[in-house]
Amino acid sequence: MQPLKKIHEPELAGPFPPDLHDMRHLWLKGLLLLVWALVSFVAMFFARDLQSFVVLGWPLGYWIAAQGAVLMFIAIVVAYCGAMNRFERQDAARAAALTAERAKPHG
């Protein structure tokens, strides 16, 4: 009797490589979370003080509560995407340079 042949199974995604969360990524995430917290909590704390300013017939506090938080969240997502694209381009350029350096004949 022959042993059963193992059917090729796709590899499951493992943990992220350690370089995926280097200091650039951590600082970016921390900064964007700080901006989110400031917009979400600090601006709401001062919403009563902003009621005296009127924009298009509505108090500024209303605009910040109704639209500002959503727009800021979208801006945070766009900023994160742009920064991650830049980080990936930098990493790809660094990897290409390293590969080209290793491919050079020593001599």
N, C-alpha and C. Protein backbone atom coordinates (compact mmCIF):
# COMPACT_ATOMS: atom_id res chain seq x y z
N MET A 1 0.82 -1.16 0.00
CA MET A 1 0.00 0.00 0.00
C MET A 1 0.88 1.24 0.00
N GLN A 2 0.56 2.18 -0.89
CA GLN A 2 1.35 3.40 -1.03
C GLN A 2 0.78 4.48 -0.11
N PRO A 3 1.68 5.32 0.41
CA PRO A 3 1.17 6.42 1.23
C PRO A 3 0.39 7.41 0.37
N LEU A 4 -0.57 8.02 0.98
CA LEU A 4 -1.39 8.99 0.26
C LEU A 4 -0.55 10.21 -0.10
N LYS A 5 -0.76 10.68 -1.31
CA LYS A 5 -0.07 11.89 -1.72
C LYS A 5 -0.83 13.08 -1.19
N LYS A 6 -0.07 13.99 -0.67
CA LYS A 6 -0.70 15.19 -0.13
C LYS A 6 -1.10 16.10 -1.28
N ILE A 7 -2.36 16.50 -1.28
CA ILE A 7 -2.85 17.42 -2.29
C ILE A 7 -2.29 18.80 -1.96
N HIS A 8 -1.87 19.49 -3.01
CA HIS A 8 -1.30 20.83 -2.80
C HIS A 8 -2.36 21.76 -2.24
N GLU A 9 -2.09 22.27 -1.06
CA GLU A 9 -3.00 23.22 -0.44
C GLU A 9 -2.37 24.60 -0.49
N PRO A 10 -3.17 25.63 -0.77
CA PRO A 10 -2.60 26.98 -0.77
C PRO A 10 -2.14 27.36 0.63
N GLU A 11 -1.05 28.09 0.66
CA GLU A 11 -0.54 28.52 1.95
C GLU A 11 -1.42 29.61 2.52
N LEU A 12 -1.68 29.49 3.78
CA LEU A 12 -2.46 30.52 4.44
C LEU A 12 -1.56 31.70 4.75
N ALA A 13 -2.15 32.86 4.79
CA ALA A 13 -1.36 34.06 5.09
C ALA A 13 -0.82 33.94 6.51
N GLY A 14 0.45 34.13 6.63
CA GLY A 14 1.09 34.09 7.93
C GLY A 14 1.14 35.47 8.54
N PRO A 15 1.88 35.60 9.61
CA PRO A 15 2.02 36.92 10.21
C PRO A 15 2.76 37.87 9.27
N PHE A 16 2.53 39.13 9.47
CA PHE A 16 3.20 40.12 8.63
C PHE A 16 4.70 40.06 8.84
N PRO A 17 5.47 40.33 7.79
CA PRO A 17 6.91 40.39 7.98
C PRO A 17 7.26 41.51 8.96
N PRO A 18 8.31 41.37 9.71
CA PRO A 18 8.62 42.37 10.73
C PRO A 18 8.88 43.76 10.19
N ASP A 19 9.35 43.87 8.94
CA ASP A 19 9.65 45.19 8.41
C ASP A 19 8.39 45.95 8.02
N LEU A 20 7.23 45.29 8.03
CA LEU A 20 5.99 45.96 7.65
C LEU A 20 5.58 47.00 8.69
N HIS A 21 6.02 46.80 9.89
CA HIS A 21 5.66 47.73 10.96
C HIS A 21 6.91 48.39 11.53
N ASP A 22 7.69 48.99 10.65
CA ASP A 22 8.87 49.69 11.14
C ASP A 22 8.46 51.03 11.73
N MET A 23 9.40 51.80 12.14
CA MET A 23 9.11 53.03 12.87
C MET A 23 8.34 54.05 12.03
N ARG A 24 8.57 54.07 10.73
CA ARG A 24 7.82 55.02 9.88
C ARG A 24 6.33 54.75 9.97
N HIS A 25 5.96 53.49 9.89
CA HIS A 25 4.55 53.12 9.93
C HIS A 25 3.95 53.42 11.31
N LEU A 26 4.70 53.12 12.34
CA LEU A 26 4.19 53.35 13.70
C LEU A 26 4.01 54.84 13.98
N TRP A 27 4.95 55.67 13.55
CA TRP A 27 4.81 57.11 13.74
C TRP A 27 3.63 57.66 12.94
N LEU A 28 3.46 57.17 11.73
CA LEU A 28 2.34 57.61 10.91
C LEU A 28 1.02 57.25 11.57
N LYS A 29 0.90 56.02 12.02
CA LYS A 29 -0.34 55.59 12.68
C LYS A 29 -0.59 56.39 13.95
N GLY A 30 0.45 56.62 14.73
CA GLY A 30 0.30 57.40 15.95
C GLY A 30 -0.13 58.83 15.67
N LEU A 31 0.48 59.45 14.67
CA LEU A 31 0.13 60.83 14.31
C LEU A 31 -1.30 60.92 13.82
N LEU A 32 -1.71 60.01 12.95
CA LEU A 32 -3.07 60.04 12.44
C LEU A 32 -4.10 59.74 13.53
N LEU A 33 -3.78 58.87 14.45
CA LEU A 33 -4.69 58.62 15.58
C LEU A 33 -4.79 59.84 16.48
N LEU A 34 -3.70 60.56 16.65
CA LEU A 34 -3.73 61.79 17.44
C LEU A 34 -4.61 62.84 16.76
N VAL A 35 -4.49 63.00 15.46
CA VAL A 35 -5.34 63.94 14.72
C VAL A 35 -6.80 63.54 14.86
N TRP A 36 -7.08 62.24 14.73
CA TRP A 36 -8.45 61.75 14.87
C TRP A 36 -9.00 62.07 16.26
N ALA A 37 -8.20 61.83 17.30
CA ALA A 37 -8.65 62.09 18.66
C ALA A 37 -8.88 63.58 18.88
N LEU A 38 -7.99 64.42 18.36
CA LEU A 38 -8.17 65.86 18.52
C LEU A 38 -9.44 66.34 17.83
N VAL A 39 -9.67 65.87 16.62
CA VAL A 39 -10.87 66.29 15.90
C VAL A 39 -12.13 65.75 16.56
N SER A 40 -12.08 64.49 16.97
CA SER A 40 -13.28 63.87 17.52
C SER A 40 -13.64 64.37 18.91
N PHE A 41 -12.66 64.55 19.76
CA PHE A 41 -12.96 64.85 21.15
C PHE A 41 -12.71 66.31 21.54
N VAL A 42 -11.59 66.85 21.14
CA VAL A 42 -11.27 68.22 21.53
C VAL A 42 -12.18 69.22 20.84
N ALA A 43 -12.41 69.04 19.55
CA ALA A 43 -13.30 69.96 18.84
C ALA A 43 -14.71 69.88 19.39
N MET A 44 -15.16 68.69 19.77
CA MET A 44 -16.49 68.56 20.36
C MET A 44 -16.56 69.22 21.73
N PHE A 45 -15.46 69.20 22.45
CA PHE A 45 -15.43 69.82 23.78
C PHE A 45 -15.65 71.33 23.67
N PHE A 46 -15.12 71.94 22.61
CA PHE A 46 -15.25 73.38 22.42
C PHE A 46 -16.40 73.76 21.49
N ALA A 47 -17.30 72.83 21.20
CA ALA A 47 -18.39 73.11 20.26
C ALA A 47 -19.29 74.23 20.75
N ARG A 48 -19.55 74.32 22.03
CA ARG A 48 -20.40 75.40 22.56
C ARG A 48 -19.75 76.77 22.34
N ASP A 49 -18.44 76.83 22.49
CA ASP A 49 -17.75 78.10 22.27
C ASP A 49 -17.78 78.51 20.80
N LEU A 50 -17.87 77.54 19.91
CA LEU A 50 -17.88 77.82 18.48
C LEU A 50 -19.27 78.18 17.95
N GLN A 51 -20.28 78.08 18.80
CA GLN A 51 -21.65 78.36 18.36
C GLN A 51 -21.83 79.83 17.98
N SER A 52 -20.98 80.71 18.48
CA SER A 52 -21.15 82.13 18.15
C SER A 52 -20.72 82.45 16.72
N PHE A 53 -19.92 81.60 16.11
CA PHE A 53 -19.52 81.79 14.71
C PHE A 53 -20.55 81.13 13.81
N VAL A 54 -21.02 81.85 12.80
CA VAL A 54 -22.06 81.33 11.91
C VAL A 54 -21.49 81.19 10.50
N VAL A 55 -21.70 80.01 9.91
CA VAL A 55 -21.25 79.71 8.55
C VAL A 55 -22.48 79.29 7.75
N LEU A 56 -22.80 80.05 6.72
CA LEU A 56 -23.94 79.75 5.85
C LEU A 56 -25.24 79.58 6.64
N GLY A 57 -25.39 80.39 7.66
CA GLY A 57 -26.62 80.37 8.44
C GLY A 57 -26.67 79.34 9.55
N TRP A 58 -25.65 78.54 9.69
CA TRP A 58 -25.61 77.51 10.73
C TRP A 58 -24.43 77.78 11.66
N PRO A 59 -24.56 77.47 12.93
CA PRO A 59 -23.43 77.65 13.86
C PRO A 59 -22.24 76.76 13.48
N LEU A 60 -21.04 77.27 13.70
CA LEU A 60 -19.83 76.52 13.35
C LEU A 60 -19.76 75.20 14.10
N GLY A 61 -20.23 75.17 15.33
CA GLY A 61 -20.24 73.93 16.10
C GLY A 61 -21.04 72.84 15.41
N TYR A 62 -22.15 73.24 14.79
CA TYR A 62 -22.96 72.27 14.03
C TYR A 62 -22.17 71.71 12.85
N TRP A 63 -21.47 72.58 12.11
CA TRP A 63 -20.70 72.13 10.95
C TRP A 63 -19.59 71.17 11.36
N ILE A 64 -18.96 71.48 12.46
CA ILE A 64 -17.87 70.61 12.92
C ILE A 64 -18.43 69.25 13.33
N ALA A 65 -19.55 69.27 14.05
CA ALA A 65 -20.13 68.01 14.51
C ALA A 65 -20.72 67.20 13.35
N ALA A 66 -21.41 67.89 12.43
CA ALA A 66 -22.11 67.17 11.37
C ALA A 66 -21.21 66.78 10.21
N GLN A 67 -20.32 67.66 9.82
CA GLN A 67 -19.53 67.42 8.62
C GLN A 67 -18.04 67.30 8.87
N GLY A 68 -17.54 68.07 9.80
CA GLY A 68 -16.09 68.14 10.00
C GLY A 68 -15.46 66.83 10.38
N ALA A 69 -16.10 66.08 11.28
CA ALA A 69 -15.52 64.82 11.71
C ALA A 69 -15.47 63.82 10.56
N VAL A 70 -16.53 63.77 9.76
CA VAL A 70 -16.56 62.84 8.63
C VAL A 70 -15.51 63.24 7.59
N LEU A 71 -15.46 64.52 7.27
CA LEU A 71 -14.47 64.98 6.29
C LEU A 71 -13.05 64.76 6.78
N MET A 72 -12.82 64.97 8.07
CA MET A 72 -11.47 64.74 8.62
C MET A 72 -11.13 63.25 8.58
N PHE A 73 -12.09 62.39 8.83
CA PHE A 73 -11.83 60.95 8.74
C PHE A 73 -11.45 60.57 7.32
N ILE A 74 -12.15 61.10 6.34
CA ILE A 74 -11.81 60.82 4.94
C ILE A 74 -10.41 61.36 4.63
N ALA A 75 -10.08 62.54 5.12
CA ALA A 75 -8.74 63.11 4.90
C ALA A 75 -7.67 62.23 5.55
N ILE A 76 -7.96 61.68 6.72
CA ILE A 76 -7.00 60.80 7.40
C ILE A 76 -6.77 59.54 6.57
N VAL A 77 -7.84 58.97 6.03
CA VAL A 77 -7.70 57.76 5.20
C VAL A 77 -6.89 58.06 3.94
N VAL A 78 -7.17 59.20 3.30
CA VAL A 78 -6.42 59.57 2.09
C VAL A 78 -4.94 59.80 2.43
N ALA A 79 -4.67 60.47 3.54
CA ALA A 79 -3.28 60.71 3.96
C ALA A 79 -2.57 59.39 4.25
N TYR A 80 -3.25 58.45 4.90
CA TYR A 80 -2.66 57.15 5.20
C TYR A 80 -2.34 56.40 3.91
N CYS A 81 -3.28 56.40 2.96
CA CYS A 81 -3.05 55.72 1.69
C CYS A 81 -1.87 56.34 0.93
N GLY A 82 -1.81 57.66 0.90
CA GLY A 82 -0.70 58.32 0.22
C GLY A 82 0.64 58.02 0.87
N ALA A 83 0.68 58.05 2.18
CA ALA A 83 1.93 57.77 2.89
C ALA A 83 2.35 56.31 2.70
N MET A 84 1.41 55.39 2.74
CA MET A 84 1.75 53.98 2.56
C MET A 84 2.24 53.72 1.14
N ASN A 85 1.63 54.37 0.15
CA ASN A 85 2.13 54.24 -1.22
C ASN A 85 3.56 54.74 -1.33
N ARG A 86 3.84 55.89 -0.69
CA ARG A 86 5.20 56.42 -0.71
C ARG A 86 6.17 55.46 -0.02
N PHE A 87 5.77 54.91 1.13
CA PHE A 87 6.63 53.96 1.84
C PHE A 87 6.90 52.73 0.98
N GLU A 88 5.87 52.23 0.29
CA GLU A 88 6.05 51.06 -0.55
C GLU A 88 6.98 51.35 -1.72
N ARG A 89 6.86 52.54 -2.33
CA ARG A 89 7.78 52.91 -3.41
C ARG A 89 9.22 53.00 -2.90
N GLN A 90 9.40 53.59 -1.71
CA GLN A 90 10.74 53.68 -1.13
C GLN A 90 11.30 52.29 -0.86
N ASP A 91 10.47 51.40 -0.32
CA ASP A 91 10.94 50.05 -0.03
C ASP A 91 11.26 49.29 -1.31
N ALA A 92 10.45 49.48 -2.35
CA ALA A 92 10.72 48.80 -3.63
C ALA A 92 12.02 49.32 -4.25
N ALA A 93 12.25 50.63 -4.17
CA ALA A 93 13.48 51.20 -4.70
C ALA A 93 14.69 50.69 -3.92
N ARG A 94 14.54 50.60 -2.62
CA ARG A 94 15.63 50.10 -1.77
C ARG A 94 15.92 48.63 -2.09
N ALA A 95 14.87 47.83 -2.29
CA ALA A 95 15.05 46.41 -2.62
C ALA A 95 15.67 46.26 -4.00
N ALA A 96 15.26 47.10 -4.96
CA ALA A 96 15.84 47.02 -6.30
C ALA A 96 17.32 47.40 -6.27
N ALA A 97 17.65 48.42 -5.50
CA ALA A 97 19.06 48.81 -5.39
C ALA A 97 19.89 47.72 -4.73
N LEU A 98 19.32 47.06 -3.73
CA LEU A 98 20.02 45.99 -3.05
C LEU A 98 20.21 44.80 -3.99
N THR A 99 19.20 44.47 -4.76
CA THR A 99 19.28 43.38 -5.72
C THR A 99 20.31 43.68 -6.81
N ALA A 100 20.31 44.92 -7.30
CA ALA A 100 21.28 45.31 -8.32
C ALA A 100 22.70 45.27 -7.76
N GLU A 101 22.86 45.63 -6.51
CA GLU A 101 24.19 45.61 -5.90
C GLU A 101 24.68 44.19 -5.73
N ARG A 102 23.78 43.29 -5.37
CA ARG A 102 24.16 41.88 -5.21
C ARG A 102 24.45 41.22 -6.54
N ALA A 103 23.81 41.71 -7.62
CA ALA A 103 23.99 41.09 -8.94
C ALA A 103 25.30 41.52 -9.59
N LYS A 104 25.93 42.59 -9.10
CA LYS A 104 27.20 43.03 -9.69
C LYS A 104 28.28 41.98 -9.44
N PRO A 105 29.08 41.72 -10.47
CA PRO A 105 30.20 40.77 -10.25
C PRO A 105 31.27 41.43 -9.39
N HIS A 106 31.77 40.66 -8.49
CA HIS A 106 32.85 41.16 -7.63
C HIS A 106 34.16 40.95 -8.37
N GLY A 107 34.88 42.01 -8.51
CA GLY A 107 36.06 41.72 -9.23
C GLY A 107 36.96 42.81 -9.43
